[in-house]
């Protein structure tokens, strides 16, 4: 197995996810996934979904909450932070590579924070 992904979750987000899983008892975990198109500087790099652990090869138990992901995710990211704001979950994903404009058509070279980027030039696989 590759390196372990560092996952931080706020208390409010933890409680919210536990309630979601209790309500949707057909699922037994939350899963962290990279979007099908690989993500973009204007979109999320990692998605969070309700799923089942049988679909994943890495499962972490954080105080009874199963968090599942692929080994590829742990290779591509160092840390995931999950917080709850206004009844929505937000994720901050810290990539393991140093080139922050990877896959964004080089927008990182135009400005430090990529605000001038009009979107990705990436095509879906």
Foldseek 3Di string as FASTA:
>chain_A
DDDDAAEAEDPVRVVLVVVVCVVVVVFQAKEKEADQQCDELVGDRIDIGGHHQVVADDWDADPNHTYGYYVVLVQFFRYWYWYDDPNDIDIDTHTPDDPPRVQACPLCVVDVSSPVRPIGPGDGD
